[in-house]
C-alpha atoms as a PDB file:
ATOM      1  CA  ALA A   1      -6.315  10.078 -41.842  1.00  0.00           C
ATOM      2  CA  GLY A   2      -6.784   8.019 -45.023  1.00  0.00           C
ATOM      3  CA  VAL A   3      -7.874  11.083 -47.034  1.00  0.00           C
ATOM      4  CA  GLN A   4      -4.813  13.006 -45.821  1.00  0.00           C
ATOM      5  CA  LEU A   5      -2.506  10.173 -46.906  1.00  0.00           C
ATOM      6  CA  LEU A   6      -4.203   9.919 -50.295  1.00  0.00           C
ATOM      7  CA  ASN A   7      -3.845  13.689 -50.731  1.00  0.00           C
ATOM      8  CA  GLN A   8      -0.091  13.357 -50.162  1.00  0.00           C
ATOM      9  CA  VAL A   9       0.175  10.767 -52.929  1.00  0.00           C
ATOM     10  CA  ASP A  10      -2.062  12.784 -55.257  1.00  0.00           C
ATOM     11  CA  ALA A  11      -0.028  15.959 -54.562  1.00  0.00           C
ATOM     12  CA  TRP A  12       3.088  14.073 -55.659  1.00  0.00           C
ATOM     13  CA  VAL A  13       1.292  12.913 -58.827  1.00  0.00           C
ATOM     14  CA  TYR A  14       0.204  16.512 -59.490  1.00  0.00           C
ATOM     15  CA  ASP A  15       3.774  17.779 -59.137  1.00  0.00           C
ATOM     16  CA  ASN A  16       5.452  14.978 -61.119  1.00  0.00           C
ATOM     17  CA  CYS A  17       3.105  13.359 -63.645  1.00  0.00           C
ATOM     18  CA  GLY A  18       1.270  14.651 -66.676  1.00  0.00           C
ATOM     19  CA  ALA A  19      -0.687  17.849 -67.129  1.00  0.00           C
ATOM     20  CA  LYS A  20      -1.816  20.067 -64.256  1.00  0.00           C
ATOM     21  CA  VAL A  21      -5.094  21.950 -63.938  1.00  0.00           C
ATOM     22  CA  ALA A  22      -5.409  24.301 -60.968  1.00  0.00           C
ATOM     23  CA  VAL A  23      -9.094  24.766 -60.136  1.00  0.00           C
ATOM     24  CA  THR A  24     -10.662  27.081 -57.571  1.00  0.00           C
ATOM     25  CA  ALA A  25     -14.025  26.146 -56.090  1.00  0.00           C
ATOM     26  CA  SER A  26     -16.109  28.867 -54.490  1.00  0.00           C
ATOM     27  CA  ASP A  27     -19.778  29.346 -53.739  1.00  0.00           C
ATOM     28  CA  TYR A  28     -21.062  28.353 -56.401  1.00  0.00           C
ATOM     29  CA  GLN A  29     -18.642  28.200 -59.277  1.00  0.00           C
ATOM     30  CA  PHE A  30     -15.417  26.692 -60.543  1.00  0.00           C
ATOM     31  CA  SER A  31     -12.657  28.759 -62.105  1.00  0.00           C
ATOM     32  CA  GLY A  32      -9.473  27.708 -63.859  1.00  0.00           C
ATOM     33  CA  ILE A  33     -10.816  24.904 -66.039  1.00  0.00           C
ATOM     34  CA  PRO A  34      -9.858  25.519 -69.678  1.00  0.00           C
ATOM     35  CA  ALA A  35     -12.257  24.872 -72.552  1.00  0.00           C
ATOM     36  CA  THR A  36      -9.849  22.335 -74.098  1.00  0.00           C
ATOM     37  CA  LEU A  37      -7.197  20.014 -72.702  1.00  0.00           C
ATOM     38  CA  PRO A  38      -4.788  17.552 -74.328  1.00  0.00           C
ATOM     39  CA  ALA A  39      -5.279  13.810 -73.961  1.00  0.00           C
ATOM     40  CA  GLY A  40      -3.181  12.055 -71.345  1.00  0.00           C
ATOM     41  CA  VAL A  41      -2.687  11.862 -67.610  1.00  0.00           C
ATOM     42  CA  THR A  42      -4.049  15.022 -66.006  1.00  0.00           C
ATOM     43  CA  THR A  43      -4.481  15.964 -62.365  1.00  0.00           C
ATOM     44  CA  PHE A  44      -7.011  18.539 -61.240  1.00  0.00           C
ATOM     45  CA  LYS A  45      -5.908  20.358 -58.081  1.00  0.00           C
ATOM     46  CA  MET A  46      -9.041  21.852 -56.537  1.00  0.00           C
ATOM     47  CA  THR A  47      -8.588  24.573 -53.945  1.00  0.00           C
ATOM     48  CA  ASN A  48     -11.734  25.335 -51.972  1.00  0.00           C
ATOM     49  CA  SER A  49     -11.842  29.115 -51.425  1.00  0.00           C
ATOM     50  CA  ALA A  50     -15.347  29.086 -49.919  1.00  0.00           C
ATOM     51  CA  ALA A  51     -15.841  30.425 -46.412  1.00  0.00           C
ATOM     52  CA  GLN A  52     -18.102  27.618 -45.163  1.00  0.00           C
ATOM     53  CA  GLU A  53     -19.180  25.140 -47.837  1.00  0.00           C
ATOM     54  CA  ASP A  54     -17.391  21.872 -48.616  1.00  0.00           C
ATOM     55  CA  HIS A  55     -16.963  21.334 -52.359  1.00  0.00           C
ATOM     56  CA  MET A  56     -16.036  18.491 -54.651  1.00  0.00           C
ATOM     57  CA  ILE A  57     -15.240  18.124 -58.299  1.00  0.00           C
ATOM     58  CA  ALA A  58     -16.279  15.070 -60.271  1.00  0.00           C
ATOM     59  CA  VAL A  59     -14.787  14.707 -63.768  1.00  0.00           C
ATOM     60  CA  ILE A  60     -16.525  12.243 -66.079  1.00  0.00           C
ATOM     61  CA  LYS A  61     -16.466  11.550 -69.803  1.00  0.00           C
ATOM     62  CA  MET A  62     -19.693  12.126 -71.683  1.00  0.00           C
ATOM     63  CA  LYS A  63     -21.006   9.549 -74.143  1.00  0.00           C
ATOM     64  CA  PRO A  64     -22.000  10.513 -77.721  1.00  0.00           C
ATOM     65  CA  ALA A  65     -25.685  10.543 -76.671  1.00  0.00           C
ATOM     66  CA  ALA A  66     -24.919  13.522 -74.407  1.00  0.00           C
ATOM     67  CA  GLN A  67     -23.417  15.703 -77.143  1.00  0.00           C
ATOM     68  CA  GLY A  68     -25.254  19.005 -77.522  1.00  0.00           C
ATOM     69  CA  GLN A  69     -27.384  18.476 -74.413  1.00  0.00           C
ATOM     70  CA  ASP A  70     -27.540  20.646 -71.288  1.00  0.00           C
ATOM     71  CA  VAL A  71     -25.161  19.042 -68.778  1.00  0.00           C
ATOM     72  CA  THR A  72     -27.098  20.423 -65.784  1.00  0.00           C
ATOM     73  CA  LYS A  73     -30.262  18.701 -66.987  1.00  0.00           C
ATOM     74  CA  LEU A  74     -28.411  15.440 -67.631  1.00  0.00           C
ATOM     75  CA  LEU A  75     -26.955  15.503 -64.102  1.00  0.00           C
ATOM     76  CA  GLN A  76     -30.469  15.839 -62.681  1.00  0.00           C
ATOM     77  CA  LEU A  77     -31.572  12.548 -64.224  1.00  0.00           C
ATOM     78  CA  PRO A  78     -31.879   9.499 -61.984  1.00  0.00           C
ATOM     79  CA  GLU A  79     -28.551   7.665 -61.706  1.00  0.00           C
ATOM     80  CA  LYS A  80     -29.834   4.726 -63.733  1.00  0.00           C
ATOM     81  CA  GLN A  81     -30.672   7.017 -66.681  1.00  0.00           C
ATOM     82  CA  GLN A  82     -27.354   8.883 -66.435  1.00  0.00           C
ATOM     83  CA  GLY A  83     -25.586   5.721 -67.627  1.00  0.00           C
ATOM     84  CA  LYS A  84     -26.841   6.492 -71.130  1.00  0.00           C
ATOM     85  CA  TYR A  85     -24.959   9.813 -71.095  1.00  0.00           C
ATOM     86  CA  PHE A  86     -21.876   9.378 -68.881  1.00  0.00           C
ATOM     87  CA  GLU A  87     -19.058   6.815 -68.803  1.00  0.00           C
ATOM     88  CA  GLN A  88     -18.760   5.773 -65.168  1.00  0.00           C
ATOM     89  CA  ALA A  89     -15.492   3.877 -65.674  1.00  0.00           C
ATOM     90  CA  GLY A  90     -12.469   6.137 -65.501  1.00  0.00           C
ATOM     91  CA  ALA A  91     -14.190   9.040 -63.740  1.00  0.00           C
ATOM     92  CA  SER A  92     -12.322  10.906 -61.011  1.00  0.00           C
ATOM     93  CA  TYR A  93     -13.238  13.164 -58.128  1.00  0.00           C
ATOM     94  CA  ALA A  94     -11.789  15.225 -55.320  1.00  0.00           C
ATOM     95  CA  GLN A  95     -13.284  16.975 -52.325  1.00  0.00           C
ATOM     96  CA  ALA A  96     -12.070  19.668 -49.971  1.00  0.00           C
ATOM     97  CA  SER A  97     -13.298  21.594 -46.961  1.00  0.00           C
ATOM     98  CA  PRO A  98     -12.958  25.401 -46.932  1.00  0.00           C
ATOM     99  CA  GLY A  99      -9.306  26.416 -47.255  1.00  0.00           C
ATOM    100  CA  GLN A 100      -8.248  22.870 -48.168  1.00  0.00           C
ATOM    101  CA  VAL A 101      -7.063  21.210 -51.389  1.00  0.00           C
ATOM    102  CA  GLY A 102      -8.142  17.984 -53.109  1.00  0.00           C
ATOM    103  CA  TYR A 103      -6.697  16.212 -56.157  1.00  0.00           C
ATOM    104  CA  ALA A 104      -8.434  14.349 -58.976  1.00  0.00           C
ATOM    105  CA  PRO A 105      -6.002  12.452 -61.229  1.00  0.00           C
ATOM    106  CA  ILE A 106      -7.511  11.114 -64.443  1.00  0.00           C
ATOM    107  CA  SER A 107      -6.407   9.699 -67.793  1.00  0.00           C
ATOM    108  CA  LEU A 108      -8.142  11.852 -70.404  1.00  0.00           C
ATOM    109  CA  THR A 109      -9.002  10.529 -73.859  1.00  0.00           C
ATOM    110  CA  ALA A 110     -10.464  12.460 -76.794  1.00  0.00           C
ATOM    111  CA  GLY A 111     -14.042  13.582 -76.256  1.00  0.00           C
ATOM    112  CA  THR A 112     -16.173  15.819 -74.073  1.00  0.00           C
ATOM    113  CA  TYR A 113     -16.030  15.737 -70.279  1.00  0.00           C
ATOM    114  CA  ALA A 114     -18.395  17.102 -67.669  1.00  0.00           C
ATOM    115  CA  TYR A 115     -17.376  18.380 -64.254  1.00  0.00           C
ATOM    116  CA  ALA A 116     -19.655  19.105 -61.313  1.00  0.00           C
ATOM    117  CA  CYS A 117     -20.018  19.474 -57.559  1.00  0.00           C
ATOM    118  CA  PHE A 118     -22.696  17.164 -56.158  1.00  0.00           C
ATOM    119  CA  PHE A 119     -22.599  18.336 -52.527  1.00  0.00           C
ATOM    120  CA  PRO A 120     -25.871  19.776 -51.212  1.00  0.00           C
ATOM    121  CA  MET A 121     -26.182  23.463 -50.337  1.00  0.00           C
ATOM    122  CA  GLY A 122     -25.402  24.075 -46.678  1.00  0.00           C
ATOM    123  CA  GLY A 123     -24.470  20.411 -46.238  1.00  0.00           C
ATOM    124  CA  LYS A 124     -28.159  19.654 -45.676  1.00  0.00           C
ATOM    125  CA  LYS A 125     -29.450  16.237 -46.651  1.00  0.00           C
ATOM    126  CA  ASN A 126     -32.071  17.672 -49.018  1.00  0.00           C
ATOM    127  CA  GLY A 127     -30.165  20.834 -49.990  1.00  0.00           C
ATOM    128  CA  THR A 128     -29.946  21.868 -53.622  1.00  0.00           C
ATOM    129  CA  PRO A 129     -26.934  20.207 -55.267  1.00  0.00           C
ATOM    130  CA  HIS A 130     -24.204  22.720 -56.031  1.00  0.00           C
ATOM    131  CA  PHE A 131     -24.218  21.801 -59.740  1.00  0.00           C
ATOM    132  CA  MET A 132     -27.754  23.209 -59.923  1.00  0.00           C
ATOM    133  CA  LEU A 133     -26.397  26.498 -58.562  1.00  0.00           C
ATOM    134  CA  GLY A 134     -23.742  26.859 -61.263  1.00  0.00           C
ATOM    135  CA  MET A 135     -20.986  24.427 -60.268  1.00  0.00           C
ATOM    136  CA  ASP A 136     -20.842  22.414 -63.469  1.00  0.00           C
ATOM    137  CA  GLY A 137     -19.541  22.641 -66.981  1.00  0.00           C
ATOM    138  CA  THR A 138     -17.780  20.834 -69.798  1.00  0.00           C
ATOM    139  CA  PHE A 139     -14.421  20.784 -71.538  1.00  0.00           C
ATOM    140  CA  THR A 140     -13.123  19.061 -74.656  1.00  0.00           C
ATOM    141  CA  VAL A 141     -10.121  16.754 -74.863  1.00  0.00           C
ATOM    142  CA  GLN A 142      -8.277  16.669 -78.170  1.00  0.00           C
END
């Protein structure tokens, strides 16, 4: 019930505040994320078009140490080591079951951002994370 209420608030933010990015999540890719975005309040509206898999989108700013590196490899590092490459403060995420929508509002500042789905394949505890199957990427904020 809490997630449904939060989605109502985030839908209002999407419709009324800042820039909008409509993202489609499928097995195993994102579409709709531009290569560059302007700085400012932005809300990602992720529609899960997959038949069975839950998906999420995490949006996080990359630190200068991450520039030029393979984002998939950086996301595979242990969480403690990821702190060298990603700014945890200010990150945003959304999740959605098949046919559902989730919202990720975020205040973007100049730099490079990574996005990824961390859910495991098939929802299995030790399943391959979706980002390792192609559900990750980067965009630049100007």
